[in-house]
C-alpha atoms as a PDB file:
ATOM      1  CA  MET A   1     -30.259 102.096  42.672  1.00  0.00           C
ATOM      2  CA  SER A   2     -32.289 104.468  40.420  1.00  0.00           C
ATOM      3  CA  LEU A   3     -32.257 104.313  36.645  1.00  0.00           C
ATOM      4  CA  ALA A   4     -32.526 107.555  34.511  1.00  0.00           C
ATOM      5  CA  PHE A   5     -34.452 107.351  31.319  1.00  0.00           C
ATOM      6  CA  ASN A   6     -34.127 109.941  28.545  1.00  0.00           C
ATOM      7  CA  ALA A   7     -36.770 109.478  25.824  1.00  0.00           C
ATOM      8  CA  ALA A   8     -36.055 111.500  22.759  1.00  0.00           C
ATOM      9  CA  ALA A   9     -39.036 112.594  20.715  1.00  0.00           C
ATOM     10  CA  SER A  10     -39.156 110.793  17.321  1.00  0.00           C
ATOM     11  CA  GLN A  11     -40.117 112.685  14.130  1.00  0.00           C
ATOM     12  CA  ILE A  12     -42.067 111.820  11.027  1.00  0.00           C
ATOM     13  CA  THR A  13     -42.367 113.685   7.762  1.00  0.00           C
ATOM     14  CA  MET A  14     -45.694 113.670   6.099  1.00  0.00           C
ATOM     15  CA  SER A  15     -46.925 115.009   2.731  1.00  0.00           C
ATOM     16  CA  ASN A  16     -49.900 115.771   0.607  1.00  0.00           C
ATOM     17  CA  PRO A  17     -52.277 117.123   3.236  1.00  0.00           C
ATOM     18  CA  ASP A  18     -56.182 117.476   2.810  1.00  0.00           C
ATOM     19  CA  GLU A  19     -57.305 121.047   2.870  1.00  0.00           C
ATOM     20  CA  GLN A  20     -60.496 122.397   4.231  1.00  0.00           C
ATOM     21  CA  GLU A  21     -61.519 126.115   4.453  1.00  0.00           C
ATOM     22  CA  LEU A  22     -62.854 127.230   7.837  1.00  0.00           C
ATOM     23  CA  LYS A  23     -64.961 130.235   8.890  1.00  0.00           C
ATOM     24  CA  GLY A  24     -63.094 133.473   9.030  1.00  0.00           C
ATOM     25  CA  GLY A  25     -60.784 132.707   6.164  1.00  0.00           C
ATOM     26  CA  LYS A  26     -58.671 130.037   7.949  1.00  0.00           C
ATOM     27  CA  LEU A  27     -57.476 126.916   6.469  1.00  0.00           C
ATOM     28  CA  LEU A  28     -57.249 123.584   8.092  1.00  0.00           C
ATOM     29  CA  TYR A  29     -54.649 121.142   6.690  1.00  0.00           C
ATOM     30  CA  THR A  30     -54.827 117.465   7.734  1.00  0.00           C
ATOM     31  CA  TYR A  31     -51.787 115.083   7.345  1.00  0.00           C
ATOM     32  CA  GLU A  32     -52.837 111.550   8.064  1.00  0.00           C
ATOM     33  CA  ASN A  33     -51.738 108.099   7.503  1.00  0.00           C
ATOM     34  CA  SER A  34     -52.861 104.754   9.119  1.00  0.00           C
ATOM     35  CA  ILE A  35     -50.867 105.516  12.290  1.00  0.00           C
ATOM     36  CA  TYR A  36     -50.618 109.271  12.689  1.00  0.00           C
ATOM     37  CA  LEU A  37     -52.882 112.350  12.382  1.00  0.00           C
ATOM     38  CA  PHE A  38     -51.654 115.975  12.510  1.00  0.00           C
ATOM     39  CA  THR A  39     -53.480 119.141  11.780  1.00  0.00           C
ATOM     40  CA  LEU A  40     -52.273 122.577  10.889  1.00  0.00           C
ATOM     41  CA  VAL A  41     -54.561 125.752  10.918  1.00  0.00           C
ATOM     42  CA  THR A  42     -53.258 128.810   9.200  1.00  0.00           C
ATOM     43  CA  ARG A  43     -54.787 132.176   8.095  1.00  0.00           C
ATOM     44  CA  SER A  44     -52.361 133.568   5.666  1.00  0.00           C
ATOM     45  CA  GLN A  45     -49.343 131.267   5.085  1.00  0.00           C
ATOM     46  CA  PRO A  46     -49.539 128.618   2.344  1.00  0.00           C
ATOM     47  CA  CYS A  47     -49.611 124.959   3.353  1.00  0.00           C
ATOM     48  CA  PRO A  48     -46.383 123.102   3.163  1.00  0.00           C
ATOM     49  CA  TYR A  49     -46.603 120.030   0.844  1.00  0.00           C
ATOM     50  CA  SER A  50     -44.504 118.128   3.341  1.00  0.00           C
ATOM     51  CA  LYS A  51     -43.990 118.935   7.032  1.00  0.00           C
ATOM     52  CA  THR A  52     -42.105 117.247   9.874  1.00  0.00           C
ATOM     53  CA  PHE A  53     -43.992 116.439  13.123  1.00  0.00           C
ATOM     54  CA  ASP A  54     -42.982 115.045  16.528  1.00  0.00           C
ATOM     55  CA  THR A  55     -44.709 111.805  16.915  1.00  0.00           C
ATOM     56  CA  SER A  56     -45.553 112.792  20.461  1.00  0.00           C
ATOM     57  CA  ASP A  57     -47.981 115.313  19.042  1.00  0.00           C
ATOM     58  CA  ASN A  58     -50.018 112.610  17.257  1.00  0.00           C
ATOM     59  CA  GLU A  59     -53.812 113.334  17.476  1.00  0.00           C
ATOM     60  CA  LYS A  60     -55.091 109.790  16.947  1.00  0.00           C
END
């Protein structure tokens, strides 16, 4: 007998990121709390104040 397991990714919405300017005009936005760390690098689009991430993409 085999069991099938379907794990759906969980999501979290985080807000108020830290902003850091990188070389070449890119911007690094860091969304972090005591459990999760997510980063977003953009060149021309404004940073969203809040963003939803898949918890499986956690960088911590």
